[in-house]
Amino acid sequence: MSGNLPGVWGTWGGYLPFFVAGFLACEPWRWAGVLLGRGLDPQSEVFIWARAVSSAIVAGLVSRIVVFPTGALAAMSVPTRYGAAAVGIAAFFAFRKSLGAGVVAGTLALLGGYFTIG
Protein backbone atom coordinates (compact mmCIF):
# COMPACT_ATOMS: atom_id res chain seq x y z
CA MET A 1 0.00 0.00 0.00
CA SER A 2 1.34 3.44 -0.91
CA GLY A 3 1.85 6.35 1.49
CA ASN A 4 -1.10 8.36 0.11
CA LEU A 5 -4.63 7.43 1.03
CA PRO A 6 -7.26 7.84 -1.69
CA GLY A 7 -10.01 10.43 -1.85
CA VAL A 8 -10.09 13.32 0.54
CA TRP A 9 -6.87 12.16 2.23
CA GLY A 10 -4.87 12.61 -0.98
CA THR A 11 -2.26 15.29 -1.52
CA TRP A 12 -4.02 18.08 0.43
CA GLY A 13 -6.27 15.89 2.55
CA GLY A 14 -3.83 15.71 5.43
CA TYR A 15 -4.56 19.36 6.13
CA LEU A 16 -8.31 18.84 6.33
CA PRO A 17 -8.40 18.05 10.07
CA PHE A 18 -6.49 21.26 10.80
CA PHE A 19 -8.91 23.36 8.74
CA VAL A 20 -11.93 21.73 10.36
CA ALA A 21 -10.49 22.12 13.86
CA GLY A 22 -9.62 25.75 13.21
CA PHE A 23 -13.07 26.43 11.82
CA LEU A 24 -14.86 24.72 14.70
CA ALA A 25 -12.71 26.47 17.29
CA CYS A 26 -13.30 29.99 15.94
CA GLU A 27 -16.46 30.23 13.89
CA PRO A 28 -19.10 29.54 16.57
CA TRP A 29 -17.63 32.30 18.72
CA ARG A 30 -17.69 34.75 15.83
CA TRP A 31 -21.36 34.02 15.18
CA ALA A 32 -22.16 34.28 18.89
CA GLY A 33 -20.49 37.69 18.92
CA VAL A 34 -22.51 38.81 15.92
CA LEU A 35 -25.77 37.65 17.44
CA LEU A 36 -25.09 39.04 20.91
CA GLY A 37 -23.60 42.31 19.70
CA ARG A 38 -26.34 43.27 17.24
CA GLY A 39 -28.17 45.59 19.61
CA LEU A 40 -25.12 47.18 21.25
CA ASP A 41 -24.18 50.81 20.62
CA PRO A 42 -20.66 51.07 19.13
CA GLN A 43 -20.23 54.44 20.86
CA SER A 44 -20.99 53.04 24.32
CA GLU A 45 -18.42 53.26 27.09
CA VAL A 46 -17.75 49.51 26.92
CA PHE A 47 -16.74 49.69 23.26
CA ILE A 48 -14.67 52.83 23.79
CA TRP A 49 -12.87 51.06 26.65
CA ALA A 50 -12.33 47.90 24.55
CA ARG A 51 -10.87 49.95 21.67
CA ALA A 52 -8.57 51.79 24.08
CA VAL A 53 -7.33 48.54 25.63
CA SER A 54 -6.76 46.86 22.26
CA SER A 55 -4.92 49.94 20.95
CA ALA A 56 -2.72 49.99 24.05
CA ILE A 57 -1.87 46.31 23.62
CA VAL A 58 -0.91 46.80 19.96
CA ALA A 59 1.16 49.89 20.82
CA GLY A 60 2.95 47.97 23.54
CA LEU A 61 3.75 45.05 21.26
CA VAL A 62 5.03 47.30 18.47
CA SER A 63 7.14 49.23 20.98
CA ARG A 64 8.61 46.00 22.30
CA ILE A 65 9.46 44.86 18.78
CA VAL A 66 11.18 48.18 17.98
CA VAL A 67 13.08 48.47 21.28
CA PHE A 68 13.93 44.78 21.82
CA PRO A 69 13.98 43.24 18.32
CA THR A 70 14.71 39.64 17.45
CA GLY A 71 15.65 37.95 14.21
CA ALA A 72 16.38 40.06 11.15
CA LEU A 73 15.17 43.26 12.80
CA ALA A 74 17.89 42.90 15.46
CA ALA A 75 20.52 43.25 12.72
CA MET A 76 19.29 46.77 11.92
CA SER A 77 20.71 49.77 13.70
CA VAL A 78 18.85 51.57 16.48
CA PRO A 79 18.50 54.84 14.50
CA THR A 80 17.02 52.89 11.58
CA ARG A 81 14.41 51.19 13.75
CA TYR A 82 13.47 54.29 15.75
CA GLY A 83 13.46 56.50 12.65
CA ALA A 84 11.19 54.11 10.77
CA ALA A 85 8.83 53.99 13.74
CA ALA A 86 8.75 57.80 13.85
CA VAL A 87 8.06 58.00 10.11
CA GLY A 88 5.25 55.46 10.43
CA ILE A 89 3.65 57.35 13.31
CA ALA A 90 3.95 60.66 11.46
CA ALA A 91 2.37 59.18 8.32
CA PHE A 92 -0.44 57.68 10.41
CA PHE A 93 -1.39 61.11 11.75
CA ALA A 94 -0.66 62.97 8.49
CA PHE A 95 -3.09 60.81 6.51
CA ARG A 96 -6.09 61.16 8.86
CA LYS A 97 -5.13 58.28 11.12
CA SER A 98 -4.74 55.84 8.24
CA LEU A 99 -3.23 52.60 9.52
CA GLY A 100 -2.29 51.55 5.98
CA ALA A 101 -0.37 54.77 5.35
CA GLY A 102 1.51 54.37 8.62
CA VAL A 103 2.45 50.75 7.92
CA VAL A 104 3.55 51.44 4.33
CA ALA A 105 5.55 54.56 5.26
CA GLY A 106 7.19 52.84 8.23
CA THR A 107 8.09 49.80 6.15
CA LEU A 108 9.55 51.90 3.36
CA ALA A 109 11.51 53.97 5.88
CA LEU A 110 12.81 50.79 7.52
CA LEU A 111 13.96 49.39 4.19
CA GLY A 112 15.43 52.71 3.10
CA GLY A 113 17.29 53.10 6.36
CA TYR A 114 18.57 49.55 6.23
CA PHE A 115 20.01 49.97 2.75
CA THR A 116 21.57 53.38 3.49
CA ILE A 117 22.55 53.26 7.19
CA GLY A 118 22.45 49.58 7.96
C-alpha atoms as a PDB file:
ATOM      1  CA  MET A   1       0.000   0.000   0.000  1.00  0.00           C
ATOM      2  CA  SER A   2       1.338   3.435  -0.905  1.00  0.00           C
ATOM      3  CA  GLY A   3       1.853   6.349   1.489  1.00  0.00           C
ATOM      4  CA  ASN A   4      -1.101   8.358   0.110  1.00  0.00           C
ATOM      5  CA  LEU A   5      -4.634   7.434   1.028  1.00  0.00           C
ATOM      6  CA  PRO A   6      -7.262   7.842  -1.686  1.00  0.00           C
ATOM      7  CA  GLY A   7     -10.013  10.427  -1.852  1.00  0.00           C
ATOM      8  CA  VAL A   8     -10.090  13.316   0.540  1.00  0.00           C
ATOM      9  CA  TRP A   9      -6.872  12.162   2.231  1.00  0.00           C
ATOM     10  CA  GLY A  10      -4.867  12.605  -0.976  1.00  0.00           C
ATOM     11  CA  THR A  11      -2.262  15.293  -1.523  1.00  0.00           C
ATOM     12  CA  TRP A  12      -4.024  18.082   0.433  1.00  0.00           C
ATOM     13  CA  GLY A  13      -6.270  15.888   2.551  1.00  0.00           C
ATOM     14  CA  GLY A  14      -3.827  15.710   5.433  1.00  0.00           C
ATOM     15  CA  TYR A  15      -4.561  19.361   6.131  1.00  0.00           C
ATOM     16  CA  LEU A  16      -8.315  18.845   6.332  1.00  0.00           C
ATOM     17  CA  PRO A  17      -8.401  18.048  10.075  1.00  0.00           C
ATOM     18  CA  PHE A  18      -6.489  21.261  10.803  1.00  0.00           C
ATOM     19  CA  PHE A  19      -8.905  23.355   8.740  1.00  0.00           C
ATOM     20  CA  VAL A  20     -11.927  21.727  10.358  1.00  0.00           C
ATOM     21  CA  ALA A  21     -10.489  22.116  13.864  1.00  0.00           C
ATOM     22  CA  GLY A  22      -9.621  25.753  13.211  1.00  0.00           C
ATOM     23  CA  PHE A  23     -13.069  26.427  11.816  1.00  0.00           C
ATOM     24  CA  LEU A  24     -14.861  24.724  14.696  1.00  0.00           C
ATOM     25  CA  ALA A  25     -12.713  26.469  17.294  1.00  0.00           C
ATOM     26  CA  CYS A  26     -13.298  29.989  15.939  1.00  0.00           C
ATOM     27  CA  GLU A  27     -16.463  30.234  13.894  1.00  0.00           C
ATOM     28  CA  PRO A  28     -19.103  29.537  16.567  1.00  0.00           C
ATOM     29  CA  TRP A  29     -17.628  32.302  18.723  1.00  0.00           C
ATOM     30  CA  ARG A  30     -17.691  34.750  15.826  1.00  0.00           C
ATOM     31  CA  TRP A  31     -21.359  34.022  15.177  1.00  0.00           C
ATOM     32  CA  ALA A  32     -22.155  34.279  18.886  1.00  0.00           C
ATOM     33  CA  GLY A  33     -20.489  37.690  18.923  1.00  0.00           C
ATOM     34  CA  VAL A  34     -22.512  38.808  15.918  1.00  0.00           C
ATOM     35  CA  LEU A  35     -25.775  37.649  17.440  1.00  0.00           C
ATOM     36  CA  LEU A  36     -25.089  39.036  20.906  1.00  0.00           C
ATOM     37  CA  GLY A  37     -23.604  42.314  19.699  1.00  0.00           C
ATOM     38  CA  ARG A  38     -26.341  43.267  17.241  1.00  0.00           C
ATOM     39  CA  GLY A  39     -28.166  45.595  19.608  1.00  0.00           C
ATOM     40  CA  LEU A  40     -25.117  47.183  21.249  1.00  0.00           C
ATOM     41  CA  ASP A  41     -24.184  50.814  20.615  1.00  0.00           C
ATOM     42  CA  PRO A  42     -20.663  51.068  19.130  1.00  0.00           C
ATOM     43  CA  GLN A  43     -20.231  54.437  20.861  1.00  0.00           C
ATOM     44  CA  SER A  44     -20.986  53.036  24.319  1.00  0.00           C
ATOM     45  CA  GLU A  45     -18.425  53.256  27.094  1.00  0.00           C
ATOM     46  CA  VAL A  46     -17.747  49.512  26.925  1.00  0.00           C
ATOM     47  CA  PHE A  47     -16.741  49.689  23.262  1.00  0.00           C
ATOM     48  CA  ILE A  48     -14.674  52.828  23.791  1.00  0.00           C
ATOM     49  CA  TRP A  49     -12.868  51.062  26.654  1.00  0.00           C
ATOM     50  CA  ALA A  50     -12.330  47.905  24.555  1.00  0.00           C
ATOM     51  CA  ARG A  51     -10.875  49.954  21.671  1.00  0.00           C
ATOM     52  CA  ALA A  52      -8.567  51.786  24.085  1.00  0.00           C
ATOM     53  CA  VAL A  53      -7.330  48.537  25.626  1.00  0.00           C
ATOM     54  CA  SER A  54      -6.758  46.862  22.256  1.00  0.00           C
ATOM     55  CA  SER A  55      -4.925  49.941  20.945  1.00  0.00           C
ATOM     56  CA  ALA A  56      -2.718  49.992  24.048  1.00  0.00           C
ATOM     57  CA  ILE A  57      -1.866  46.310  23.618  1.00  0.00           C
ATOM     58  CA  VAL A  58      -0.907  46.798  19.962  1.00  0.00           C
ATOM     59  CA  ALA A  59       1.162  49.893  20.821  1.00  0.00           C
ATOM     60  CA  GLY A  60       2.951  47.966  23.541  1.00  0.00           C
ATOM     61  CA  LEU A  61       3.752  45.054  21.261  1.00  0.00           C
ATOM     62  CA  VAL A  62       5.026  47.305  18.475  1.00  0.00           C
ATOM     63  CA  SER A  63       7.143  49.233  20.982  1.00  0.00           C
ATOM     64  CA  ARG A  64       8.606  46.001  22.300  1.00  0.00           C
ATOM     65  CA  ILE A  65       9.464  44.860  18.777  1.00  0.00           C
ATOM     66  CA  VAL A  66      11.175  48.178  17.982  1.00  0.00           C
ATOM     67  CA  VAL A  67      13.077  48.467  21.282  1.00  0.00           C
ATOM     68  CA  PHE A  68      13.933  44.779  21.817  1.00  0.00           C
ATOM     69  CA  PRO A  69      13.984  43.242  18.315  1.00  0.00           C
ATOM     70  CA  THR A  70      14.709  39.643  17.447  1.00  0.00           C
ATOM     71  CA  GLY A  71      15.652  37.947  14.214  1.00  0.00           C
ATOM     72  CA  ALA A  72      16.383  40.063  11.150  1.00  0.00           C
ATOM     73  CA  LEU A  73      15.171  43.262  12.805  1.00  0.00           C
ATOM     74  CA  ALA A  74      17.895  42.902  15.456  1.00  0.00           C
ATOM     75  CA  ALA A  75      20.524  43.247  12.717  1.00  0.00           C
ATOM     76  CA  MET A  76      19.286  46.769  11.917  1.00  0.00           C
ATOM     77  CA  SER A  77      20.710  49.773  13.704  1.00  0.00           C
ATOM     78  CA  VAL A  78      18.847  51.568  16.479  1.00  0.00           C
ATOM     79  CA  PRO A  79      18.498  54.844  14.497  1.00  0.00           C
ATOM     80  CA  THR A  80      17.024  52.894  11.584  1.00  0.00           C
ATOM     81  CA  ARG A  81      14.412  51.191  13.754  1.00  0.00           C
ATOM     82  CA  TYR A  82      13.472  54.295  15.753  1.00  0.00           C
ATOM     83  CA  GLY A  83      13.462  56.502  12.650  1.00  0.00           C
ATOM     84  CA  ALA A  84      11.185  54.111  10.772  1.00  0.00           C
ATOM     85  CA  ALA A  85       8.828  53.989  13.741  1.00  0.00           C
ATOM     86  CA  ALA A  86       8.750  57.799  13.851  1.00  0.00           C
ATOM     87  CA  VAL A  87       8.061  57.998  10.106  1.00  0.00           C
ATOM     88  CA  GLY A  88       5.253  55.457  10.432  1.00  0.00           C
ATOM     89  CA  ILE A  89       3.647  57.348  13.312  1.00  0.00           C
ATOM     90  CA  ALA A  90       3.950  60.664  11.460  1.00  0.00           C
ATOM     91  CA  ALA A  91       2.365  59.177   8.324  1.00  0.00           C
ATOM     92  CA  PHE A  92      -0.437  57.684  10.410  1.00  0.00           C
ATOM     93  CA  PHE A  93      -1.395  61.112  11.745  1.00  0.00           C
ATOM     94  CA  ALA A  94      -0.659  62.970   8.487  1.00  0.00           C
ATOM     95  CA  PHE A  95      -3.088  60.815   6.508  1.00  0.00           C
ATOM     96  CA  ARG A  96      -6.087  61.164   8.856  1.00  0.00           C
ATOM     97  CA  LYS A  97      -5.134  58.276  11.116  1.00  0.00           C
ATOM     98  CA  SER A  98      -4.736  55.839   8.241  1.00  0.00           C
ATOM     99  CA  LEU A  99      -3.230  52.602   9.517  1.00  0.00           C
ATOM    100  CA  GLY A 100      -2.286  51.547   5.981  1.00  0.00           C
ATOM    101  CA  ALA A 101      -0.371  54.765   5.351  1.00  0.00           C
ATOM    102  CA  GLY A 102       1.509  54.368   8.622  1.00  0.00           C
ATOM    103  CA  VAL A 103       2.453  50.754   7.920  1.00  0.00           C
ATOM    104  CA  VAL A 104       3.552  51.444   4.334  1.00  0.00           C
ATOM    105  CA  ALA A 105       5.549  54.556   5.260  1.00  0.00           C
ATOM    106  CA  GLY A 106       7.189  52.844   8.233  1.00  0.00           C
ATOM    107  CA  THR A 107       8.088  49.802   6.154  1.00  0.00           C
ATOM    108  CA  LEU A 108       9.553  51.902   3.357  1.00  0.00           C
ATOM    109  CA  ALA A 109      11.506  53.973   5.883  1.00  0.00           C
ATOM    110  CA  LEU A 110      12.810  50.793   7.517  1.00  0.00           C
ATOM    111  CA  LEU A 111      13.958  49.387   4.193  1.00  0.00           C
ATOM    112  CA  GLY A 112      15.434  52.712   3.096  1.00  0.00           C
ATOM    113  CA  GLY A 113      17.291  53.097   6.363  1.00  0.00           C
ATOM    114  CA  TYR A 114      18.566  49.549   6.231  1.00  0.00           C
ATOM    115  CA  PHE A 115      20.009  49.972   2.749  1.00  0.00           C
ATOM    116  CA  THR A 116      21.569  53.384   3.494  1.00  0.00           C
ATOM    117  CA  ILE A 117      22.548  53.258   7.194  1.00  0.00           C
ATOM    118  CA  GLY A 118      22.454  49.576   7.964  1.00  0.00           C
END
